[in-house]
Amino acid sequence: MKKDIEELVIITSWQRFKEYLYYDEEMELLLDISRMNFTPEFLTEMTEPMGTVYHQLQLMEKGALANPDEGRMVGHYWLRNPDLAPSEEIAQDIKETLGEILDFAEQIHMGSFRNILLVGVGGSILGPRFVADALASPQDKMKAFFIDNGDPDGIDRVLSHIGEELNATLCIIISKSGGTIETRNGMLEVRKRYEELGLSFPGHAVAITQRGSELDKLSQKEGWLRAFPMWDWVGGRTSLLSAVGLLSLALQGIDTAGLLQGARDCDKRTRRPDTLNNPGALLALMWYHSTQGHGGKQMVVLPYKDRLELFTKYLQQLIMESLGKEKNLKGETVHQGITVYGNKGSSDQHSYLQQLLEGPNNFFVTFIEVLKDRQGPSAYMEENSTSGEYLQAFLLGTREALTQKGRESMTITVKEINAYTIGVLIALFERAVSIYALLVGINAYHQPAVEMGKKAAGQAIQLKNRIVYFLKSHPSEKFSVHEIALAIQEEEHQEMVFKILLHLTINPEHGVNMEPGHPLPESRFFVGG
């Protein structure tokens, strides 16, 4: 009897796998959702909501106001198919920009530049960095370096790796608004290093920004090598297939045409109103099923390929910045969001798989499988098996263990990693984000909380300047945190005053010193003496 039940489960599982497997022969893409615990009734119930979503997607791609909070169209789909753009002007602008990118890359390859240094933050650099790493090869025409944070030591590390090659390094500054603080600081740090070596920064610099921005004006005033446009209708996290990504990737020698073709082909499939034949819809529906449309779940992304290690970081921003919203489009408080994290296979088995199997069941897993192990044949290790066969066994074993524990997972499979399949994966997740956002009624294309953080950072800088001014106005006098906060009328922010003072004492620029107190917050601070 027990054997009969086990065989029935196996048969049902195989039948379910065959029924719900999405396979696209041309894109060489498989999406297996059979290990997500949805019922056939769920798909039936979602037929009407999905019909509405497909209609909304059509309107968005035709230029409807898809980002009402900022009064913007959403047009990253036009980047890989300009003929879909709502006006000839936009379509022509996209085509001309792509042509200019390729022409510029060809000119640079004939010169003396050997490196690229990208300076940006968030979506302006996560995508290019992911693809540059995923598709890097010994045949690359230029080597890419990245500054994506305001950490001075991190900037020094990158510049030290470039070293004397800075004279042969093209610097690309990426900022849509032209005023992003982290990017501005990175640019100023890099400019300083060029000038210290007697090099002309404008003679090495390229801007990617909105036309008319402060960065655009600066590049024109100083005579930078070039400036390429970012458009109002493309957000940073969906800008990879604009100049933001295509310029550096073309300079590196990546197959940008393949990237665009992969995304274009995937877009075609994810426009289909037939849900079972639409991989983007299936992916988004599994998110909706697992979260019951309320968010709050964790999405563990496990790519079993070293070249996809940065894919999870890229998806973190794409998904979390798009879907993490307090309000829906009706102004109701919903606290939507899906938390994304992940390592890579099989490292995950030696880090957090234990918790996935026996800890809280508050997640679902997305495995990403790559069938091709390497260029050329592999040697046998043990048990008449190659290292690639062992890696697949770890994926299959992890997936099976999760299923036995009642934990949900799905698997995306591609034949190999190349520019085309990277384009497919990017477009697949971009569409899933759009569909999920429409299903739950949120604006996926603005990020008000990020602006709150920027505003608070600006206020912290102003507070620091007032602290320094006060101390320098009273040289050699020692003050407690409370006395300083009282003097500058910031009593409600004494903790922040203390944190700022602690940082000032460790760094020499302003000459702030500390007389340690016990406990530490009772320390006294002074300048000079």
Protein backbone atom coordinates (compact mmCIF):
# COMPACT_ATOMS: atom_id res chain seq x y z
CA MET A 1 0.00 0.00 0.00
CA LYS A 2 2.78 2.42 0.98
CA LYS A 3 4.61 1.66 -2.27
CA ASP A 4 1.43 2.34 -4.27
CA ILE A 5 1.04 5.76 -2.58
CA GLU A 6 4.69 6.64 -3.25
CA GLU A 7 4.29 5.66 -6.91
CA LEU A 8 1.11 7.73 -7.16
CA VAL A 9 2.93 10.79 -5.77
CA ILE A 10 5.76 10.30 -8.26
CA ILE A 11 3.32 9.93 -11.17
CA THR A 12 1.32 12.96 -10.09
CA SER A 13 4.51 14.99 -9.75
CA TRP A 14 5.66 13.96 -13.23
CA GLN A 15 2.27 14.75 -14.70
CA ARG A 16 2.23 18.14 -12.94
CA PHE A 17 5.73 18.87 -14.23
CA LYS A 18 4.70 18.12 -17.82
CA GLU A 19 1.46 20.08 -17.52
CA TYR A 20 3.01 23.30 -16.22
CA LEU A 21 6.47 23.29 -17.81
CA TYR A 22 7.07 26.29 -20.03
CA TYR A 23 9.57 25.52 -22.81
CA ASP A 24 10.68 27.82 -25.57
CA GLU A 25 12.84 26.08 -28.14
CA GLU A 26 14.07 29.24 -29.86
CA MET A 27 15.11 30.98 -26.63
CA GLU A 28 16.25 27.65 -25.13
CA LEU A 29 14.44 28.61 -21.94
CA LEU A 30 12.56 26.37 -19.51
CA LEU A 31 10.47 27.54 -16.55
CA ASP A 32 9.31 24.85 -14.12
CA ILE A 33 6.65 26.07 -11.67
CA SER A 34 5.38 22.60 -10.72
CA ARG A 35 6.97 22.71 -7.24
CA MET A 36 4.99 25.81 -6.30
CA ASN A 37 1.91 24.63 -4.38
CA PHE A 38 -0.79 26.33 -6.43
CA THR A 39 -3.97 24.61 -7.51
CA PRO A 40 -5.57 24.54 -10.97
CA GLU A 41 -8.37 26.64 -9.44
CA PHE A 42 -5.84 29.39 -8.68
CA LEU A 43 -4.99 29.81 -12.36
CA THR A 44 -8.69 29.85 -13.22
CA GLU A 45 -9.40 32.48 -10.58
CA MET A 46 -6.61 34.65 -11.95
CA THR A 47 -7.89 34.59 -15.54
CA GLU A 48 -9.94 37.77 -15.23
CA PRO A 49 -7.32 39.79 -13.28
CA MET A 50 -4.67 38.73 -15.79
CA GLY A 51 -6.87 39.86 -18.66
CA THR A 52 -6.92 43.33 -17.11
CA VAL A 53 -3.14 43.22 -16.65
CA TYR A 54 -2.52 42.34 -20.30
CA HIS A 55 -4.64 45.31 -21.34
CA GLN A 56 -2.73 47.62 -18.99
CA LEU A 57 0.58 46.35 -20.36
CA GLN A 58 -0.55 47.17 -23.89
CA LEU A 59 -1.45 50.70 -22.82
CA MET A 60 1.89 51.13 -21.04
CA GLU A 61 3.88 50.07 -24.09
CA LYS A 62 1.85 52.49 -26.21
CA GLY A 63 2.92 55.39 -24.00
CA ALA A 64 0.21 55.63 -21.34
CA LEU A 65 1.05 57.38 -18.06
CA ALA A 66 2.33 54.28 -16.24
CA ASN A 67 4.13 56.26 -13.51
CA PRO A 68 1.38 58.62 -12.32
CA ASP A 69 3.26 59.83 -9.22
CA GLU A 70 5.96 61.37 -11.38
CA GLY A 71 3.81 61.95 -14.48
CA ARG A 72 5.96 59.73 -16.68
CA MET A 73 5.66 57.11 -19.36
CA VAL A 74 7.51 53.81 -18.81
CA GLY A 75 9.41 52.81 -21.91
CA HIS A 76 12.28 50.45 -21.22
CA TYR A 77 10.61 47.99 -23.60
CA TRP A 78 11.22 50.45 -26.45
CA LEU A 79 14.97 50.29 -25.90
CA ARG A 80 15.17 46.87 -27.59
CA ASN A 81 12.38 47.56 -30.08
CA PRO A 82 12.26 51.29 -30.91
CA ASP A 83 9.49 50.78 -33.47
CA LEU A 84 7.10 50.20 -30.53
CA ALA A 85 7.73 53.70 -29.18
CA PRO A 86 4.68 55.98 -29.16
CA SER A 87 6.31 58.63 -31.36
CA GLU A 88 8.71 58.70 -34.27
CA GLU A 89 10.84 61.19 -32.35
CA ILE A 90 11.45 58.75 -29.49
CA ALA A 91 12.05 55.84 -31.86
CA GLN A 92 14.58 57.82 -33.87
CA ASP A 93 16.33 59.04 -30.73
CA ILE A 94 16.79 55.46 -29.50
CA LYS A 95 18.12 54.27 -32.86
CA GLU A 96 20.49 57.22 -33.28
CA THR A 97 21.83 56.80 -29.75
CA LEU A 98 22.54 53.11 -30.33
CA GLY A 99 24.36 53.95 -33.55
CA GLU A 100 26.39 56.64 -31.79
CA ILE A 101 27.33 54.21 -29.01
CA LEU A 102 28.66 51.65 -31.49
CA ASP A 103 30.52 54.30 -33.51
CA PHE A 104 32.08 55.76 -30.37
CA ALA A 105 33.17 52.32 -29.15
CA GLU A 106 34.81 51.63 -32.51
CA GLN A 107 36.69 54.95 -32.33
CA ILE A 108 37.87 54.25 -28.77
CA HIS A 109 39.09 50.78 -29.74
CA MET A 110 41.37 52.38 -32.34
CA GLY A 111 42.96 54.62 -29.70
CA SER A 112 45.06 54.16 -26.58
CA PHE A 113 42.36 53.51 -23.99
CA ARG A 114 42.58 50.05 -22.43
CA ASN A 115 40.31 50.38 -19.39
CA ILE A 116 36.84 51.66 -18.53
CA LEU A 117 36.00 53.17 -15.15
CA LEU A 118 32.28 53.46 -14.44
CA VAL A 119 31.15 55.81 -11.68
CA GLY A 120 27.51 55.56 -10.61
CA VAL A 121 25.20 54.14 -7.98
CA GLY A 122 22.20 51.80 -7.84
CA GLY A 123 20.58 50.91 -11.13
CA SER A 124 23.09 53.01 -13.04
CA ILE A 125 25.81 50.52 -12.25
CA LEU A 126 24.34 47.26 -10.87
CA GLY A 127 23.17 46.16 -14.31
CA PRO A 128 26.36 47.02 -16.22
CA ARG A 129 28.49 45.42 -13.51
CA PHE A 130 26.43 42.22 -13.54
CA VAL A 131 26.60 41.81 -17.32
CA ALA A 132 30.26 42.82 -17.52
CA ASP A 133 31.12 40.08 -15.03
CA ALA A 134 28.78 37.49 -16.52
CA LEU A 135 30.14 37.86 -20.04
CA ALA A 136 33.79 38.71 -19.36
CA SER A 137 36.40 36.78 -21.34
CA PRO A 138 40.14 36.94 -22.11
CA GLN A 139 39.16 38.38 -25.49
CA ASP A 140 37.62 41.54 -23.96
CA LYS A 141 38.79 44.68 -25.74
CA MET A 142 38.81 46.76 -22.54
CA LYS A 143 38.83 45.96 -18.84
CA ALA A 144 36.02 47.38 -16.71
CA PHE A 145 36.32 48.87 -13.22
CA PHE A 146 33.48 50.19 -11.08
CA ILE A 147 33.02 52.81 -8.36
CA ASP A 148 29.51 52.38 -6.98
CA ASN A 149 29.69 53.63 -3.40
CA GLY A 150 30.89 56.65 -1.47
CA ASP A 151 33.42 54.66 0.56
CA PRO A 152 36.76 56.53 0.30
CA ASP A 153 38.77 53.39 0.99
CA GLY A 154 36.75 51.54 -1.65
CA ILE A 155 37.50 54.28 -4.18
CA ASP A 156 41.19 54.11 -3.29
CA ARG A 157 41.18 50.34 -3.77
CA VAL A 158 39.70 50.61 -7.27
CA LEU A 159 42.09 53.37 -8.28
CA SER A 160 45.05 51.41 -6.88
CA HIS A 161 44.06 48.43 -9.06
CA ILE A 162 44.11 50.74 -12.09
CA GLY A 163 47.37 52.33 -10.93
CA GLU A 164 49.55 53.78 -13.67
CA GLU A 165 46.99 52.69 -16.23
CA LEU A 166 44.79 55.68 -15.32
CA ASN A 167 46.15 57.56 -18.35
CA ALA A 168 44.71 54.74 -20.50
CA THR A 169 41.38 54.66 -18.63
CA LEU A 170 38.14 56.07 -20.02
CA CYS A 171 35.92 57.35 -17.20
CA ILE A 172 32.13 57.12 -17.62
CA ILE A 173 30.02 59.15 -15.18
CA ILE A 174 26.41 57.93 -14.99
CA SER A 175 23.71 60.01 -13.31
CA LYS A 176 20.23 60.53 -14.70
CA SER A 177 19.54 63.74 -12.79
CA GLY A 178 23.18 64.79 -12.78
CA GLY A 179 22.91 65.59 -9.08
CA THR A 180 23.15 62.21 -7.35
CA ILE A 181 25.42 62.81 -4.35
CA GLU A 182 27.25 59.48 -4.39
CA THR A 183 28.01 59.78 -8.11
CA ARG A 184 29.06 63.41 -7.77
CA ASN A 185 31.47 62.55 -4.96
CA GLY A 186 32.85 59.61 -6.92
CA MET A 187 33.43 61.87 -9.91
CA LEU A 188 35.21 64.48 -7.79
CA GLU A 189 37.41 61.81 -6.18
CA VAL A 190 38.35 60.37 -9.56
CA ARG A 191 38.90 63.79 -11.11
CA LYS A 192 41.30 64.62 -8.28
CA ARG A 193 43.34 61.48 -9.01
CA TYR A 194 43.54 62.28 -12.74
CA GLU A 195 44.71 65.81 -11.95
CA GLU A 196 47.28 64.61 -9.40
CA LEU A 197 48.85 62.59 -12.22
CA GLY A 198 48.84 65.61 -14.52
CA LEU A 199 46.07 64.19 -16.68
CA SER A 200 43.16 66.08 -18.21
CA PHE A 201 39.95 64.68 -16.72
CA PRO A 202 37.72 66.08 -19.52
CA GLY A 203 40.03 64.37 -22.01
CA HIS A 204 39.19 61.03 -20.39
CA ALA A 205 35.53 61.61 -19.44
CA VAL A 206 32.14 60.62 -20.85
CA ALA A 207 28.75 61.53 -19.35
CA ILE A 208 25.54 59.52 -19.43
CA THR A 209 22.74 61.73 -18.18
CA GLN A 210 19.52 63.50 -19.09
CA ARG A 211 19.89 66.26 -21.61
CA GLY A 212 20.08 69.61 -19.89
CA SER A 213 21.08 68.20 -16.49
CA GLU A 214 23.89 69.76 -14.46
CA LEU A 215 26.17 66.90 -15.51
CA ASP A 216 25.27 67.44 -19.16
CA LYS A 217 26.04 71.16 -18.84
CA LEU A 218 29.36 70.43 -17.12
CA SER A 219 30.42 67.98 -19.81
CA GLN A 220 29.65 70.52 -22.53
CA LYS A 221 31.34 73.40 -20.71
CA GLU A 222 34.55 71.43 -20.09
CA GLY A 223 34.60 69.66 -23.44
CA TRP A 224 34.30 66.05 -22.30
CA LEU A 225 34.77 63.39 -24.96
CA ARG A 226 31.05 62.66 -25.27
CA ALA A 227 27.69 62.80 -23.56
CA PHE A 228 25.00 60.15 -24.12
CA PRO A 229 21.34 60.58 -23.12
CA MET A 230 19.21 59.03 -20.43
CA TRP A 231 15.50 59.53 -20.95
CA ASP A 232 12.78 60.60 -18.57
CA TRP A 233 10.76 57.47 -19.41
CA VAL A 234 13.50 55.01 -18.34
CA GLY A 235 14.16 54.40 -14.64
CA GLY A 236 17.63 53.56 -13.39
CA ARG A 237 16.81 49.96 -12.52
CA THR A 238 15.46 49.30 -16.03
CA SER A 239 18.14 51.32 -17.87
CA LEU A 240 20.62 48.52 -18.57
CA LEU A 241 19.75 48.33 -22.27
CA SER A 242 20.13 52.08 -22.75
CA ALA A 243 23.46 53.90 -22.95
CA VAL A 244 23.79 53.18 -19.22
CA GLY A 245 24.76 49.59 -19.96
CA LEU A 246 25.29 49.38 -23.69
CA LEU A 247 28.12 51.92 -23.84
CA SER A 248 30.47 50.23 -21.37
CA LEU A 249 29.52 46.77 -22.62
CA ALA A 250 30.21 47.73 -26.24
CA LEU A 251 33.56 49.16 -25.13
CA GLN A 252 34.32 45.92 -23.28
CA GLY A 253 33.56 44.02 -26.48
CA ILE A 254 30.31 42.37 -25.36
CA ASP A 255 27.77 41.32 -28.00
CA THR A 256 25.26 44.13 -27.45
CA ALA A 257 23.21 43.04 -30.45
CA GLY A 258 22.75 39.64 -28.81
CA LEU A 259 21.68 41.26 -25.54
CA LEU A 260 19.07 43.36 -27.31
CA GLN A 261 17.84 40.42 -29.38
CA GLY A 262 17.42 38.22 -26.31
CA ALA A 263 15.40 40.90 -24.52
CA ARG A 264 13.35 41.60 -27.66
CA ASP A 265 12.49 37.92 -28.13
CA CYS A 266 11.55 37.50 -24.48
CA ASP A 267 9.38 40.61 -24.63
CA LYS A 268 7.40 39.00 -27.48
CA ARG A 269 6.65 35.93 -25.36
CA THR A 270 5.72 37.97 -22.31
CA ARG A 271 3.15 39.98 -24.27
CA ARG A 272 1.08 36.86 -24.97
CA PRO A 273 -2.37 36.99 -23.35
CA ASP A 274 -2.23 33.19 -22.97
CA THR A 275 -0.83 32.86 -19.44
CA LEU A 276 0.46 29.29 -19.70
CA ASN A 277 2.49 30.35 -22.75
CA ASN A 278 3.79 33.54 -21.16
CA PRO A 279 6.88 33.00 -18.94
CA GLY A 280 6.74 36.50 -17.42
CA ALA A 281 3.10 35.99 -16.44
CA LEU A 282 3.84 32.57 -14.93
CA LEU A 283 6.72 33.99 -12.90
CA ALA A 284 4.64 36.91 -11.60
CA LEU A 285 1.68 34.64 -10.80
CA MET A 286 3.92 32.40 -8.71
CA TRP A 287 5.03 35.48 -6.74
CA TYR A 288 1.39 36.42 -6.32
CA HIS A 289 0.44 32.90 -5.25
CA SER A 290 3.25 32.58 -2.73
CA THR A 291 2.62 36.01 -1.18
CA GLN A 292 -1.19 35.73 -1.55
CA GLY A 293 -0.95 39.12 -3.21
CA HIS A 294 0.17 40.80 0.01
CA GLY A 295 3.96 40.64 -0.34
CA GLY A 296 6.07 40.00 2.72
CA LYS A 297 7.71 36.80 1.48
CA GLN A 298 11.40 36.27 0.81
CA MET A 299 12.58 35.27 -2.67
CA VAL A 300 15.78 33.23 -2.48
CA VAL A 301 17.54 33.34 -5.85
CA LEU A 302 20.06 30.54 -6.36
CA PRO A 303 21.97 30.67 -9.65
CA TYR A 304 24.09 27.57 -10.12
CA LYS A 305 26.72 29.35 -12.18
CA ASP A 306 29.57 31.61 -11.08
CA ARG A 307 28.89 33.99 -13.96
CA LEU A 308 25.46 34.73 -12.47
CA GLU A 309 26.73 35.52 -8.98
CA LEU A 310 25.90 39.24 -9.35
CA PHE A 311 22.48 38.52 -10.83
CA THR A 312 20.94 38.31 -7.37
CA LYS A 313 22.25 41.79 -6.47
CA TYR A 314 20.82 43.12 -9.72
CA LEU A 315 17.46 41.49 -8.97
CA GLN A 316 17.47 42.88 -5.43
CA GLN A 317 17.18 46.39 -6.74
CA LEU A 318 14.91 45.59 -9.68
CA ILE A 319 12.40 43.77 -7.48
CA MET A 320 12.69 45.42 -4.08
CA GLU A 321 12.85 49.04 -5.28
CA SER A 322 9.98 48.39 -7.68
CA LEU A 323 7.68 46.41 -5.39
CA GLY A 324 8.56 47.73 -1.92
CA LYS A 325 5.78 50.30 -1.53
CA GLU A 326 3.82 51.62 1.44
CA LYS A 327 0.82 52.84 -0.60
CA ASN A 328 -1.05 51.38 -3.53
CA LEU A 329 -2.38 53.41 -6.44
CA LYS A 330 -5.55 54.14 -4.47
CA GLY A 331 -3.56 55.67 -1.64
CA GLU A 332 -4.28 52.76 0.71
CA THR A 333 -1.56 51.48 3.06
CA VAL A 334 -0.48 48.04 1.85
CA HIS A 335 3.23 47.65 2.68
CA GLN A 336 3.95 45.59 -0.42
CA GLY A 337 7.33 44.04 -1.10
CA ILE A 338 9.28 40.86 -1.75
CA THR A 339 12.68 40.51 -0.09
CA VAL A 340 15.35 39.16 -2.46
CA TYR A 341 18.56 37.50 -1.36
CA GLY A 342 20.76 34.68 -2.55
CA ASN A 343 24.21 33.24 -2.90
CA LYS A 344 25.17 30.82 -5.65
CA GLY A 345 25.07 27.10 -5.97
CA SER A 346 26.46 25.12 -4.38
CA SER A 347 27.82 27.66 -1.87
CA ASP A 348 24.27 28.01 -0.53
CA GLN A 349 24.39 24.41 0.73
CA HIS A 350 27.21 25.41 3.05
CA SER A 351 25.67 28.70 4.22
CA TYR A 352 21.93 29.03 4.74
CA LEU A 353 20.33 25.87 3.31
CA GLN A 354 20.02 24.55 6.87
CA GLN A 355 17.59 27.35 7.71
CA LEU A 356 15.71 27.00 4.44
CA LEU A 357 15.05 23.37 5.26
CA GLU A 358 14.32 23.61 8.98
CA GLY A 359 13.72 27.28 9.76
CA PRO A 360 10.68 29.49 9.10
CA ASN A 361 8.76 28.66 5.94
CA ASN A 362 8.56 32.32 4.87
CA PHE A 363 10.19 32.12 1.44
CA PHE A 364 10.20 30.56 -1.98
CA VAL A 365 13.28 29.66 -4.00
CA THR A 366 14.10 30.46 -7.62
CA PHE A 367 16.79 28.15 -8.95
CA ILE A 368 18.62 29.21 -12.10
CA GLU A 369 20.15 26.29 -13.93
CA VAL A 370 22.66 26.51 -16.79
CA LEU A 371 23.02 23.30 -18.78
CA LYS A 372 26.37 23.95 -20.47
CA ASP A 373 29.25 23.41 -18.04
CA ARG A 374 32.15 24.96 -19.93
CA GLN A 375 33.66 25.43 -23.38
CA GLY A 376 34.91 21.98 -24.35
CA PRO A 377 34.77 18.63 -22.54
CA SER A 378 35.33 18.08 -18.81
CA ALA A 379 37.49 15.50 -17.10
CA TYR A 380 35.96 12.88 -14.82
CA MET A 381 36.37 13.44 -11.11
CA GLU A 382 35.03 10.53 -9.05
CA GLU A 383 32.14 8.12 -9.63
CA ASN A 384 32.56 8.48 -13.41
CA SER A 385 31.21 12.06 -13.15
CA THR A 386 32.43 15.53 -14.10
CA SER A 387 32.45 18.55 -11.79
CA GLY A 388 29.53 19.97 -13.80
CA GLU A 389 27.54 16.80 -13.22
CA TYR A 390 28.21 17.10 -9.51
CA LEU A 391 27.03 20.73 -9.60
CA GLN A 392 23.76 19.72 -11.24
CA ALA A 393 23.37 16.95 -8.68
CA PHE A 394 23.70 19.53 -5.89
CA LEU A 395 20.97 21.64 -7.53
CA LEU A 396 18.66 18.65 -7.98
CA GLY A 397 19.36 17.42 -4.47
CA THR A 398 18.72 20.82 -2.89
CA ARG A 399 15.50 21.21 -4.85
CA GLU A 400 14.32 17.73 -3.84
CA ALA A 401 15.15 18.32 -0.17
CA LEU A 402 13.11 21.54 -0.21
CA THR A 403 10.15 19.75 -1.78
CA GLN A 404 10.29 16.98 0.83
CA LYS A 405 10.13 19.67 3.53
CA GLY A 406 7.13 21.33 1.90
CA ARG A 407 9.12 24.38 0.76
CA GLU A 408 8.18 25.95 -2.58
CA SER A 409 10.59 26.43 -5.47
CA MET A 410 10.69 27.00 -9.18
CA THR A 411 13.49 26.51 -11.68
CA ILE A 412 14.57 28.59 -14.64
CA THR A 413 16.82 26.69 -17.06
CA VAL A 414 18.88 28.10 -19.93
CA LYS A 415 21.21 26.23 -22.24
CA GLU A 416 24.28 28.41 -21.69
CA ILE A 417 25.42 31.86 -20.61
CA ASN A 418 25.87 34.27 -23.49
CA ALA A 419 24.69 37.75 -24.39
CA TYR A 420 21.41 36.42 -25.79
CA THR A 421 20.40 34.44 -22.68
CA ILE A 422 21.40 37.32 -20.38
CA GLY A 423 19.07 39.55 -22.42
CA VAL A 424 16.31 36.94 -22.04
CA LEU A 425 16.74 36.77 -18.25
CA ILE A 426 16.75 40.55 -17.86
CA ALA A 427 13.57 40.95 -19.88
CA LEU A 428 11.88 38.02 -18.11
CA PHE A 429 12.27 39.54 -14.65
CA GLU A 430 11.50 43.07 -15.82
CA ARG A 431 8.16 41.84 -17.18
CA ALA A 432 7.39 39.79 -14.07
CA VAL A 433 7.90 42.92 -11.96
CA SER A 434 5.50 44.89 -14.17
CA ILE A 435 2.85 42.19 -14.04
CA TYR A 436 3.04 41.64 -10.28
CA ALA A 437 2.84 45.40 -9.66
CA LEU A 438 -0.28 45.65 -11.84
CA LEU A 439 -1.87 42.66 -10.08
CA VAL A 440 -1.45 44.26 -6.64
CA GLY A 441 -2.14 47.82 -7.81
CA ILE A 442 1.12 49.62 -7.01
CA ASN A 443 3.41 51.98 -8.91
CA ALA A 444 6.55 49.98 -9.68
CA TYR A 445 8.38 52.91 -11.24
CA HIS A 446 8.93 55.44 -8.49
CA GLN A 447 10.90 55.25 -5.23
CA PRO A 448 9.74 57.92 -2.77
CA ALA A 449 11.44 56.33 0.24
CA VAL A 450 14.83 56.54 -1.51
CA GLU A 451 14.30 60.27 -1.84
CA MET A 452 13.52 60.42 1.89
CA GLY A 453 16.90 58.86 2.61
CA LYS A 454 18.67 61.36 0.37
CA LYS A 455 16.93 64.24 2.12
CA ALA A 456 17.89 62.91 5.56
CA ALA A 457 21.50 62.52 4.39
CA GLY A 458 21.56 66.15 3.33
CA GLN A 459 20.29 67.19 6.73
CA ALA A 460 23.02 65.11 8.42
CA ILE A 461 25.68 66.94 6.39
CA GLN A 462 24.21 70.29 7.44
CA LEU A 463 24.24 69.15 11.08
CA LYS A 464 27.89 68.09 10.77
CA ASN A 465 28.84 71.51 9.40
CA ARG A 466 27.11 73.26 12.29
CA ILE A 467 28.93 71.04 14.81
CA VAL A 468 32.30 71.77 13.21
CA TYR A 469 31.58 75.50 13.02
CA PHE A 470 30.64 75.59 16.71
CA LEU A 471 33.77 73.73 17.82
CA LYS A 472 36.05 75.84 15.66
CA SER A 473 34.38 78.97 17.07
CA HIS A 474 35.49 77.84 20.53
CA PRO A 475 39.05 76.55 20.03
CA SER A 476 40.51 74.37 22.77
CA GLU A 477 37.24 74.37 24.75
CA LYS A 478 35.88 70.92 25.54
CA PHE A 479 32.17 70.18 25.22
CA SER A 480 29.90 67.23 25.94
CA VAL A 481 27.42 65.98 23.36
CA HIS A 482 24.60 67.54 25.35
CA GLU A 483 26.34 70.92 25.48
CA ILE A 484 27.02 70.91 21.74
CA ALA A 485 23.45 69.82 20.90
CA LEU A 486 22.06 72.51 23.20
CA ALA A 487 24.26 75.21 21.66
CA ILE A 488 23.21 74.40 18.09
CA GLN A 489 19.57 73.77 19.09
CA GLU A 490 19.58 70.05 18.23
CA GLU A 491 18.73 68.52 21.62
CA GLU A 492 16.34 66.02 20.03
CA HIS A 493 19.18 64.68 17.85
CA GLN A 494 21.86 64.05 20.48
CA GLU A 495 22.49 60.51 19.30
CA MET A 496 23.15 61.73 15.77
CA VAL A 497 25.38 64.49 17.12
CA PHE A 498 27.41 61.86 18.99
CA LYS A 499 27.71 59.61 15.91
CA ILE A 500 28.91 62.53 13.79
CA LEU A 501 31.44 63.58 16.43
CA LEU A 502 32.79 60.04 16.70
CA HIS A 503 33.39 59.96 12.95
CA LEU A 504 35.02 63.39 12.99
CA THR A 505 37.54 62.34 15.65
CA ILE A 506 38.71 59.32 13.64
CA ASN A 507 39.30 61.35 10.46
CA PRO A 508 41.76 64.28 10.39
CA GLU A 509 40.15 66.76 8.00
CA HIS A 510 38.43 69.02 10.55
CA GLY A 511 40.84 68.61 13.48
CA VAL A 512 38.21 67.40 15.97
CA ASN A 513 39.58 65.59 19.04
CA MET A 514 37.96 63.59 21.84
CA GLU A 515 38.63 63.28 25.55
CA PRO A 516 37.19 59.80 26.21
CA GLY A 517 34.46 59.55 28.80
CA HIS A 518 33.11 56.65 30.81
CA PRO A 519 30.69 55.68 29.44
CA LEU A 520 31.81 56.69 25.95
CA PRO A 521 28.79 58.95 25.18
CA GLU A 522 29.96 61.18 28.06
CA SER A 523 33.17 62.03 26.16
CA ARG A 524 34.10 65.66 25.55
CA PHE A 525 35.05 67.07 22.15
CA PHE A 526 37.24 69.95 21.04
CA VAL A 527 39.29 71.50 18.24
CA GLY A 528 42.92 72.49 18.84
CA GLY A 529 44.68 72.57 22.19
